[in-house]
N, C-alpha and C. Protein backbone atom coordinates (compact mmCIF):
# COMPACT_ATOMS: atom_id res chain seq x y z
N MET A 1 103.49 107.78 107.47
CA MET A 1 104.38 107.77 106.34
C MET A 1 104.47 106.34 105.81
N LEU A 2 104.20 106.16 104.53
CA LEU A 2 104.22 104.85 103.90
C LEU A 2 105.64 104.46 103.54
N LYS A 3 106.01 103.24 103.95
CA LYS A 3 107.30 102.65 103.56
C LYS A 3 106.98 101.40 102.76
N ILE A 4 107.77 101.19 101.71
CA ILE A 4 107.46 100.10 100.78
C ILE A 4 108.72 99.41 100.30
N PHE A 5 108.61 98.13 100.04
CA PHE A 5 109.61 97.36 99.32
C PHE A 5 109.08 97.29 97.90
N SER A 6 109.52 98.20 97.04
CA SER A 6 108.91 98.36 95.72
C SER A 6 109.26 97.21 94.79
N PHE A 7 108.42 97.06 93.76
CA PHE A 7 108.65 96.08 92.71
C PHE A 7 109.52 96.71 91.62
N ASN A 8 109.96 95.89 90.71
CA ASN A 8 110.79 96.29 89.59
C ASN A 8 110.03 97.28 88.70
N THR A 9 110.64 98.40 88.38
CA THR A 9 109.98 99.41 87.56
C THR A 9 110.42 99.39 86.09
N SER A 10 111.10 98.33 85.68
CA SER A 10 111.51 98.23 84.27
C SER A 10 110.29 98.27 83.36
N ASN A 11 110.36 99.07 82.34
CA ASN A 11 109.29 99.18 81.33
C ASN A 11 107.94 99.53 81.94
N ILE A 12 107.94 100.25 83.04
CA ILE A 12 106.70 100.50 83.77
C ILE A 12 105.71 101.36 82.97
N ILE A 13 106.18 102.32 82.23
CA ILE A 13 105.26 103.16 81.47
C ILE A 13 104.53 102.34 80.42
N GLU A 14 105.25 101.45 79.75
CA GLU A 14 104.61 100.57 78.76
C GLU A 14 103.58 99.66 79.43
N LYS A 15 103.91 99.15 80.61
CA LYS A 15 103.00 98.25 81.34
C LYS A 15 101.74 99.00 81.77
N ILE A 16 101.91 100.23 82.24
CA ILE A 16 100.75 101.04 82.63
C ILE A 16 99.87 101.33 81.42
N ASN A 17 100.49 101.74 80.32
CA ASN A 17 99.73 102.04 79.10
C ASN A 17 98.95 100.82 78.61
N ARG A 18 99.60 99.66 78.61
CA ARG A 18 98.94 98.43 78.17
C ARG A 18 97.77 98.07 79.09
N PHE A 19 97.98 98.22 80.41
CA PHE A 19 96.93 97.91 81.39
C PHE A 19 95.73 98.84 81.19
N GLU A 20 95.99 100.13 81.01
CA GLU A 20 94.91 101.08 80.79
C GLU A 20 94.14 100.74 79.51
N GLU A 21 94.88 100.43 78.47
CA GLU A 21 94.24 100.11 77.19
C GLU A 21 93.41 98.82 77.29
N GLN A 22 93.97 97.78 77.89
CA GLN A 22 93.27 96.50 78.00
C GLN A 22 92.01 96.60 78.86
N ASN A 23 92.02 97.50 79.84
CA ASN A 23 90.88 97.62 80.75
C ASN A 23 90.03 98.85 80.49
N ASN A 24 90.37 99.58 79.43
CA ASN A 24 89.61 100.75 79.02
C ASN A 24 89.42 101.75 80.17
N ILE A 25 90.55 102.07 80.82
CA ILE A 25 90.52 103.02 81.93
C ILE A 25 91.68 104.00 81.80
N LYS A 26 91.60 105.07 82.56
CA LYS A 26 92.71 106.02 82.71
C LYS A 26 92.97 106.14 84.20
N LEU A 27 94.18 105.77 84.63
CA LEU A 27 94.51 105.82 86.05
C LEU A 27 94.58 107.27 86.53
N PRO A 28 94.09 107.53 87.74
CA PRO A 28 94.24 108.87 88.32
C PRO A 28 95.72 109.25 88.35
N SER A 29 96.03 110.50 88.07
CA SER A 29 97.42 110.93 87.87
C SER A 29 98.33 110.70 89.08
N LEU A 30 97.86 111.00 90.30
CA LEU A 30 98.71 110.80 91.48
C LEU A 30 99.02 109.32 91.69
N TYR A 31 98.04 108.48 91.44
CA TYR A 31 98.27 107.04 91.57
C TYR A 31 99.20 106.53 90.46
N ALA A 32 99.02 107.03 89.25
CA ALA A 32 99.91 106.64 88.14
C ALA A 32 101.35 107.05 88.46
N ASP A 33 101.53 108.23 89.07
CA ASP A 33 102.88 108.66 89.47
C ASP A 33 103.50 107.69 90.47
N PHE A 34 102.69 107.21 91.41
CA PHE A 34 103.16 106.22 92.39
C PHE A 34 103.60 104.94 91.67
N LEU A 35 102.80 104.46 90.74
CA LEU A 35 103.18 103.25 90.01
C LEU A 35 104.46 103.45 89.21
N LYS A 36 104.60 104.60 88.58
CA LYS A 36 105.79 104.86 87.78
C LYS A 36 107.05 104.84 88.64
N LYS A 37 106.93 105.32 89.86
CA LYS A 37 108.10 105.42 90.74
C LYS A 37 108.37 104.13 91.53
N TYR A 38 107.29 103.40 91.92
CA TYR A 38 107.47 102.25 92.81
C TYR A 38 106.89 100.94 92.25
N ASN A 39 105.96 101.01 91.33
CA ASN A 39 105.28 99.83 90.79
C ASN A 39 104.67 98.96 91.88
N GLY A 40 104.05 99.60 92.87
CA GLY A 40 103.48 98.84 93.99
C GLY A 40 104.60 98.22 94.81
N GLY A 41 104.24 97.25 95.66
CA GLY A 41 105.25 96.58 96.45
C GLY A 41 104.72 96.10 97.78
N TYR A 42 105.59 95.47 98.51
CA TYR A 42 105.25 94.91 99.82
C TYR A 42 105.29 96.00 100.89
N THR A 43 104.35 95.91 101.84
CA THR A 43 104.27 96.91 102.91
C THR A 43 104.07 96.24 104.27
N PRO A 44 105.03 95.44 104.71
CA PRO A 44 104.86 94.82 106.04
C PRO A 44 104.86 95.87 107.14
N LYS A 45 104.16 95.57 108.23
CA LYS A 45 104.07 96.47 109.38
C LYS A 45 103.51 97.83 108.99
N THR A 46 102.46 97.81 108.17
CA THR A 46 101.83 99.03 107.68
C THR A 46 100.35 99.00 108.03
N SER A 47 99.85 100.14 108.51
CA SER A 47 98.44 100.21 108.87
C SER A 47 97.94 101.66 108.71
N PHE A 48 96.63 101.81 108.83
CA PHE A 48 96.04 103.14 108.81
C PHE A 48 94.79 103.12 109.68
N GLU A 49 94.43 104.31 110.15
CA GLU A 49 93.17 104.52 110.85
C GLU A 49 92.65 105.88 110.41
N ILE A 50 91.57 105.83 109.64
CA ILE A 50 90.97 107.05 109.10
C ILE A 50 89.50 107.02 109.48
N ASP A 51 89.10 108.04 110.25
CA ASP A 51 87.74 108.08 110.79
C ASP A 51 87.45 106.77 111.52
N GLU A 52 86.46 106.04 111.11
CA GLU A 52 86.09 104.79 111.79
C GLU A 52 86.70 103.55 111.15
N ILE A 53 87.51 103.73 110.12
CA ILE A 53 88.06 102.61 109.37
C ILE A 53 89.53 102.43 109.72
N SER A 54 89.89 101.22 110.12
CA SER A 54 91.29 100.91 110.37
C SER A 54 91.60 99.53 109.83
N SER A 55 92.81 99.38 109.32
CA SER A 55 93.23 98.10 108.75
C SER A 55 94.74 98.12 108.56
N ASP A 56 95.27 96.96 108.22
CA ASP A 56 96.66 96.88 107.81
C ASP A 56 96.69 96.91 106.29
N ILE A 57 97.87 97.06 105.73
CA ILE A 57 98.05 96.96 104.29
C ILE A 57 99.26 96.05 104.07
N ARG A 58 99.04 94.94 103.41
CA ARG A 58 100.12 93.97 103.16
C ARG A 58 100.93 94.31 101.93
N GLY A 59 100.28 94.91 100.94
CA GLY A 59 101.00 95.24 99.73
C GLY A 59 100.13 95.99 98.74
N PHE A 60 100.79 96.75 97.87
CA PHE A 60 100.14 97.46 96.79
C PHE A 60 100.36 96.69 95.49
N TYR A 61 99.32 96.60 94.69
CA TYR A 61 99.42 95.89 93.42
C TYR A 61 100.37 96.62 92.47
N GLY A 62 101.03 95.82 91.66
CA GLY A 62 101.92 96.34 90.65
C GLY A 62 102.01 95.36 89.50
N PHE A 63 102.90 95.63 88.61
CA PHE A 63 103.09 94.79 87.44
C PHE A 63 104.31 93.91 87.65
N GLU A 64 104.27 93.15 88.71
CA GLU A 64 105.39 92.27 89.07
C GLU A 64 104.98 90.84 88.72
N GLU A 65 105.53 90.32 87.67
CA GLU A 65 105.15 89.00 87.21
C GLU A 65 105.50 87.90 88.20
N ASN A 66 106.46 88.13 89.08
CA ASN A 66 106.91 87.09 90.00
C ASN A 66 106.10 87.01 91.29
N ASP A 67 105.21 87.95 91.52
CA ASP A 67 104.43 87.92 92.75
C ASP A 67 102.98 87.62 92.45
N GLU A 68 102.47 86.56 93.04
CA GLU A 68 101.08 86.18 92.74
C GLU A 68 100.07 86.88 93.64
N ASN A 69 100.49 87.47 94.74
CA ASN A 69 99.56 88.14 95.64
C ASN A 69 99.26 89.58 95.26
N TYR A 70 100.21 90.28 94.70
CA TYR A 70 100.04 91.71 94.41
C TYR A 70 100.36 92.00 92.95
N ASN A 71 99.77 91.24 92.08
CA ASN A 71 100.06 91.30 90.66
C ASN A 71 98.79 91.67 89.90
N PHE A 72 98.79 92.83 89.25
CA PHE A 72 97.62 93.28 88.48
C PHE A 72 97.21 92.25 87.43
N LEU A 73 98.19 91.64 86.79
CA LEU A 73 97.88 90.73 85.70
C LEU A 73 97.07 89.54 86.18
N LEU A 74 97.36 89.05 87.38
CA LEU A 74 96.58 87.94 87.93
C LEU A 74 95.28 88.43 88.55
N LEU A 75 95.31 89.61 89.12
CA LEU A 75 94.11 90.19 89.74
C LEU A 75 92.98 90.35 88.73
N THR A 76 93.33 90.70 87.49
CA THR A 76 92.29 90.94 86.48
C THR A 76 91.47 89.69 86.18
N ARG A 77 91.94 88.54 86.58
CA ARG A 77 91.21 87.28 86.35
C ARG A 77 90.24 86.94 87.49
N CYS A 78 90.21 87.75 88.53
CA CYS A 78 89.39 87.46 89.70
C CYS A 78 88.03 88.16 89.62
N ASP A 79 87.02 87.54 90.19
CA ASP A 79 85.68 88.13 90.24
C ASP A 79 85.68 89.45 90.98
N ASP A 80 86.49 89.56 92.06
CA ASP A 80 86.54 90.80 92.83
C ASP A 80 86.97 91.97 91.96
N PHE A 81 87.92 91.73 91.07
CA PHE A 81 88.39 92.78 90.16
C PHE A 81 87.25 93.25 89.26
N ILE A 82 86.54 92.30 88.69
CA ILE A 82 85.43 92.62 87.79
C ILE A 82 84.35 93.40 88.54
N ASP A 83 84.01 92.95 89.75
CA ASP A 83 83.00 93.66 90.55
C ASP A 83 83.43 95.10 90.83
N CYS A 84 84.69 95.28 91.22
CA CYS A 84 85.19 96.64 91.48
C CYS A 84 85.12 97.50 90.23
N MET A 85 85.59 96.96 89.11
CA MET A 85 85.58 97.72 87.86
C MET A 85 84.15 98.10 87.46
N ASN A 86 83.21 97.20 87.67
CA ASN A 86 81.81 97.50 87.37
C ASN A 86 81.26 98.63 88.23
N ASN A 87 81.88 98.86 89.40
CA ASN A 87 81.49 99.95 90.30
C ASN A 87 82.40 101.17 90.17
N SER A 88 83.21 101.21 89.10
CA SER A 88 84.14 102.32 88.82
C SER A 88 85.25 102.44 89.85
N PHE A 89 85.74 101.30 90.32
CA PHE A 89 86.87 101.27 91.25
C PHE A 89 87.92 100.28 90.76
N LEU A 90 89.17 100.57 91.11
CA LEU A 90 90.28 99.68 90.81
C LEU A 90 90.93 99.27 92.13
N PRO A 91 91.03 97.97 92.43
CA PRO A 91 91.77 97.56 93.63
C PRO A 91 93.24 97.94 93.49
N ILE A 92 93.79 98.57 94.52
CA ILE A 92 95.20 98.98 94.45
C ILE A 92 96.05 98.37 95.56
N ALA A 93 95.41 97.86 96.61
CA ALA A 93 96.15 97.25 97.72
C ALA A 93 95.23 96.28 98.44
N MET A 94 95.83 95.42 99.28
CA MET A 94 95.04 94.43 100.00
C MET A 94 95.53 94.34 101.45
N ASP A 95 94.58 94.07 102.35
CA ASP A 95 94.96 93.86 103.75
C ASP A 95 95.13 92.36 104.01
N SER A 96 95.39 92.02 105.26
CA SER A 96 95.72 90.63 105.59
C SER A 96 94.53 89.68 105.57
N ILE A 97 93.30 90.21 105.50
CA ILE A 97 92.15 89.31 105.47
C ILE A 97 91.38 89.38 104.16
N GLY A 98 91.96 90.00 103.15
CA GLY A 98 91.35 89.99 101.83
C GLY A 98 90.49 91.17 101.48
N ASN A 99 90.49 92.21 102.30
CA ASN A 99 89.79 93.45 101.94
C ASN A 99 90.70 94.27 101.03
N PHE A 100 90.11 95.18 100.28
CA PHE A 100 90.88 95.97 99.33
C PHE A 100 90.87 97.45 99.66
N ILE A 101 91.95 98.11 99.30
CA ILE A 101 91.98 99.56 99.16
C ILE A 101 91.74 99.76 97.67
N VAL A 102 90.77 100.61 97.32
CA VAL A 102 90.43 100.83 95.91
C VAL A 102 90.49 102.31 95.61
N ILE A 103 90.68 102.60 94.33
CA ILE A 103 90.71 104.00 93.89
C ILE A 103 89.66 104.19 92.81
N GLY A 104 88.99 105.34 92.88
CA GLY A 104 87.95 105.64 91.91
C GLY A 104 88.52 105.89 90.53
N ILE A 105 87.88 105.30 89.52
CA ILE A 105 88.32 105.48 88.14
C ILE A 105 87.17 106.00 87.25
N GLY A 106 86.07 106.37 87.88
CA GLY A 106 84.93 106.91 87.14
C GLY A 106 84.94 108.42 87.17
N GLU A 107 84.06 109.03 86.42
CA GLU A 107 83.97 110.50 86.39
C GLU A 107 83.56 111.05 87.75
N HIS A 108 82.68 110.36 88.45
CA HIS A 108 82.13 110.84 89.72
C HIS A 108 83.04 110.58 90.93
N ASN A 109 84.03 109.69 90.80
CA ASN A 109 84.87 109.34 91.95
C ASN A 109 86.36 109.32 91.62
N ASN A 110 86.75 109.91 90.52
CA ASN A 110 88.12 109.79 90.02
C ASN A 110 89.16 110.20 91.06
N GLY A 111 90.03 109.27 91.39
CA GLY A 111 91.13 109.53 92.32
C GLY A 111 90.79 109.36 93.78
N GLU A 112 89.51 109.26 94.13
CA GLU A 112 89.13 109.08 95.53
C GLU A 112 89.52 107.68 95.98
N VAL A 113 89.91 107.55 97.25
CA VAL A 113 90.36 106.27 97.79
C VAL A 113 89.33 105.77 98.80
N TYR A 114 89.02 104.49 98.69
CA TYR A 114 88.02 103.84 99.54
C TYR A 114 88.58 102.53 100.09
N PHE A 115 87.98 102.09 101.18
CA PHE A 115 88.26 100.76 101.74
C PHE A 115 87.08 99.88 101.38
N LEU A 116 87.34 98.77 100.71
CA LEU A 116 86.28 97.84 100.34
C LEU A 116 86.26 96.68 101.33
N ASP A 117 85.24 96.67 102.18
CA ASP A 117 85.01 95.55 103.09
C ASP A 117 84.37 94.46 102.25
N THR A 118 85.14 93.44 101.90
CA THR A 118 84.65 92.42 100.97
C THR A 118 83.57 91.54 101.59
N GLU A 119 83.58 91.40 102.91
CA GLU A 119 82.55 90.59 103.55
C GLU A 119 81.19 91.28 103.49
N MET A 120 81.18 92.58 103.72
CA MET A 120 79.93 93.36 103.69
C MET A 120 79.65 93.95 102.30
N ASN A 121 80.63 93.83 101.40
CA ASN A 121 80.54 94.42 100.08
C ASN A 121 80.18 95.91 100.17
N ARG A 122 80.94 96.60 101.03
CA ARG A 122 80.68 98.01 101.29
C ARG A 122 81.95 98.83 101.03
N TYR A 123 81.79 99.93 100.29
CA TYR A 123 82.87 100.85 100.00
C TYR A 123 82.83 101.97 101.03
N ASN A 124 83.90 102.14 101.78
CA ASN A 124 83.99 103.18 102.81
C ASN A 124 85.01 104.23 102.38
N TYR A 125 84.55 105.46 102.29
CA TYR A 125 85.39 106.57 101.84
C TYR A 125 86.56 106.78 102.80
N LEU A 126 87.77 106.97 102.22
CA LEU A 126 88.96 107.25 103.02
C LEU A 126 89.57 108.61 102.72
N SER A 127 89.67 108.96 101.43
CA SER A 127 90.40 110.17 101.09
C SER A 127 90.01 110.69 99.71
N SER A 128 90.21 111.98 99.51
CA SER A 128 89.88 112.61 98.23
C SER A 128 90.89 112.29 97.14
N ASN A 129 92.13 111.88 97.53
CA ASN A 129 93.13 111.53 96.52
C ASN A 129 94.19 110.61 97.12
N PHE A 130 94.99 110.03 96.25
CA PHE A 130 95.98 109.03 96.65
C PHE A 130 97.08 109.64 97.54
N LYS A 131 97.56 110.81 97.19
CA LYS A 131 98.62 111.44 97.98
C LYS A 131 98.17 111.70 99.41
N ASN A 132 96.96 112.20 99.57
CA ASN A 132 96.41 112.43 100.90
C ASN A 132 96.27 111.11 101.67
N PHE A 133 95.83 110.07 100.97
CA PHE A 133 95.67 108.77 101.61
C PHE A 133 97.01 108.25 102.14
N ILE A 134 98.05 108.27 101.32
CA ILE A 134 99.32 107.70 101.80
C ILE A 134 99.95 108.53 102.91
N SER A 135 99.57 109.80 103.01
CA SER A 135 100.09 110.62 104.11
C SER A 135 99.50 110.19 105.46
N GLN A 136 98.42 109.41 105.42
CA GLN A 136 97.75 108.97 106.64
C GLN A 136 98.11 107.52 107.02
N ILE A 137 99.03 106.95 106.29
CA ILE A 137 99.45 105.56 106.53
C ILE A 137 100.64 105.56 107.48
N ASN A 138 100.69 104.57 108.35
CA ASN A 138 101.80 104.41 109.27
C ASN A 138 102.53 103.10 108.96
N SER A 139 103.80 103.22 108.58
CA SER A 139 104.64 102.04 108.34
C SER A 139 105.82 102.06 109.29
N GLN A 140 106.05 100.94 109.91
CA GLN A 140 107.22 100.79 110.78
C GLN A 140 108.38 100.25 109.95
N LYS A 141 109.59 100.52 110.42
CA LYS A 141 110.76 99.95 109.77
C LYS A 141 110.68 98.44 109.91
N PHE A 142 110.88 97.73 108.83
CA PHE A 142 110.82 96.27 108.83
C PHE A 142 112.23 95.73 108.88
N ILE A 143 112.54 95.06 109.96
CA ILE A 143 113.87 94.49 110.15
C ILE A 143 113.78 92.99 109.89
N ILE A 144 114.63 92.53 109.00
CA ILE A 144 114.63 91.11 108.65
C ILE A 144 115.52 90.39 109.66
N ARG A 145 114.86 89.57 110.48
CA ARG A 145 115.59 88.83 111.50
C ARG A 145 116.00 87.45 110.99
N SER A 146 117.19 87.02 111.35
CA SER A 146 117.66 85.70 110.96
C SER A 146 116.88 84.62 111.72
N ILE A 147 117.05 83.40 111.31
CA ILE A 147 116.39 82.29 112.00
C ILE A 147 116.88 82.22 113.44
N ASP A 148 118.17 82.39 113.66
CA ASP A 148 118.71 82.37 115.03
C ASP A 148 118.10 83.48 115.88
N GLU A 149 117.97 84.68 115.33
CA GLU A 149 117.36 85.78 116.08
C GLU A 149 115.91 85.47 116.43
N ARG A 150 115.20 84.84 115.54
CA ARG A 150 113.81 84.46 115.79
C ARG A 150 113.73 83.41 116.90
N LEU A 151 114.61 82.43 116.84
CA LEU A 151 114.63 81.38 117.87
C LEU A 151 114.98 81.97 119.23
N GLN A 152 115.96 82.87 119.27
CA GLN A 152 116.33 83.52 120.53
C GLN A 152 115.17 84.33 121.09
N GLY A 153 114.47 85.04 120.21
CA GLY A 153 113.31 85.83 120.64
C GLY A 153 112.22 84.95 121.22
N MET A 154 112.00 83.80 120.62
CA MET A 154 110.99 82.88 121.13
C MET A 154 111.40 82.32 122.49
N LYS A 155 112.69 82.03 122.61
CA LYS A 155 113.20 81.50 123.88
C LYS A 155 113.05 82.55 124.99
N LYS A 156 113.33 83.81 124.63
CA LYS A 156 113.26 84.91 125.59
C LYS A 156 111.85 85.07 126.18
N ILE A 157 110.84 84.83 125.37
CA ILE A 157 109.45 84.99 125.85
C ILE A 157 108.81 83.66 126.25
N ASN A 158 109.64 82.62 126.30
CA ASN A 158 109.15 81.27 126.65
C ASN A 158 107.99 80.82 125.76
N SER A 159 108.14 81.04 124.47
CA SER A 159 107.10 80.65 123.52
C SER A 159 106.96 79.13 123.48
N ASN A 160 105.72 78.69 123.37
CA ASN A 160 105.48 77.25 123.27
C ASN A 160 105.18 76.83 121.84
N VAL A 161 105.47 77.71 120.87
CA VAL A 161 105.28 77.38 119.46
C VAL A 161 106.34 76.36 119.06
N LYS A 162 105.88 75.30 118.42
CA LYS A 162 106.79 74.24 117.97
C LYS A 162 107.46 74.69 116.67
N VAL A 163 108.76 74.72 116.69
CA VAL A 163 109.51 75.09 115.50
C VAL A 163 109.82 73.80 114.74
N ASP A 164 109.10 73.62 113.64
CA ASP A 164 109.30 72.43 112.83
C ASP A 164 109.87 72.82 111.47
N ASP A 165 110.08 71.85 110.61
CA ASP A 165 110.66 72.12 109.29
C ASP A 165 109.80 73.07 108.47
N GLU A 166 108.49 72.97 108.61
CA GLU A 166 107.58 73.84 107.86
C GLU A 166 107.73 75.30 108.28
N LEU A 167 107.83 75.55 109.59
CA LEU A 167 108.01 76.91 110.08
C LEU A 167 109.38 77.45 109.67
N LEU A 168 110.41 76.63 109.78
CA LEU A 168 111.74 77.06 109.36
C LEU A 168 111.76 77.42 107.87
N LYS A 169 111.07 76.63 107.07
CA LYS A 169 111.00 76.90 105.63
C LYS A 169 110.26 78.22 105.37
N LEU A 170 109.18 78.46 106.10
CA LEU A 170 108.43 79.71 105.98
C LEU A 170 109.31 80.91 106.33
N TRP A 171 110.02 80.79 107.44
CA TRP A 171 110.93 81.87 107.85
C TRP A 171 112.00 82.12 106.79
N GLN A 172 112.58 81.06 106.26
CA GLN A 172 113.65 81.22 105.27
C GLN A 172 113.12 81.86 103.99
N THR A 173 111.90 81.52 103.61
CA THR A 173 111.28 82.13 102.43
C THR A 173 111.13 83.63 102.64
N GLU A 174 110.67 84.03 103.83
CA GLU A 174 110.52 85.46 104.12
C GLU A 174 111.88 86.16 104.12
N ILE A 175 112.87 85.54 104.73
CA ILE A 175 114.22 86.11 104.76
C ILE A 175 114.75 86.31 103.34
N ASP A 176 114.60 85.28 102.51
CA ASP A 176 115.08 85.35 101.12
C ASP A 176 114.36 86.45 100.34
N LYS A 177 113.06 86.57 100.56
CA LYS A 177 112.25 87.54 99.85
C LYS A 177 112.68 88.98 100.17
N TYR A 178 112.83 89.30 101.45
CA TYR A 178 113.11 90.68 101.85
C TYR A 178 114.59 91.04 101.84
N SER A 179 115.47 90.06 101.91
CA SER A 179 116.90 90.39 101.95
C SER A 179 117.39 90.98 100.63
N LYS A 180 116.66 90.76 99.54
CA LYS A 180 117.04 91.29 98.23
C LYS A 180 116.42 92.65 97.96
N LEU A 181 115.58 93.11 98.86
CA LEU A 181 114.83 94.35 98.64
C LEU A 181 115.24 95.41 99.65
N LYS A 182 114.92 96.68 99.32
CA LYS A 182 115.22 97.79 100.21
C LYS A 182 113.93 98.53 100.53
N GLN A 183 113.64 98.70 101.81
CA GLN A 183 112.46 99.46 102.20
C GLN A 183 112.74 100.95 102.02
N GLN A 184 111.78 101.64 101.40
CA GLN A 184 111.98 103.07 101.14
C GLN A 184 110.70 103.85 101.47
N ILE A 185 110.88 105.09 101.80
CA ILE A 185 109.75 105.98 102.10
C ILE A 185 109.15 106.43 100.79
N VAL A 186 107.83 106.33 100.69
CA VAL A 186 107.12 106.74 99.47
C VAL A 186 106.96 108.26 99.46
N ILE A 187 107.43 108.85 98.38
CA ILE A 187 107.32 110.30 98.19
C ILE A 187 106.73 110.53 96.81
N ILE A 188 105.61 111.25 96.78
CA ILE A 188 104.97 111.57 95.48
C ILE A 188 104.90 113.08 95.35
């Protein structure tokens, strides 16, 4: 079951229409429904294993101007986006090492979901449609721990990681990011 910290859905239909028009595509209906309801979002502690393919999923792309990692508007400027589009695929999510989950946007693959191994430049089939794909995803509840809770946890396991100002800043950024959001179960 996929759990997500969704992005802002304000004016989402207009954003989808503009994106489709600018890129001369029509999004598969189940995936468009997902965008209308959630507009992509963050997916910490999320993974899947389908046949021989397993990976994590860090986030789904959306029309969130404030996020540079999962933002369609910035993605369209990347070579990976152009390569995928030339192969009739649209990147819809990314894992922690830069591989993509893509969805077919051509006549021959419309709505099918694939894993794009960017190192091998290989598309691996995952599912016949988006709804089926998300039913195979496993997301754990993401609990936002305070800095004190993190320090106590490190002490409990006798961690030798040095907690410096940079790490504290990283932790605080994550706390600030997720404390304003609500994790929800994706239902399409």
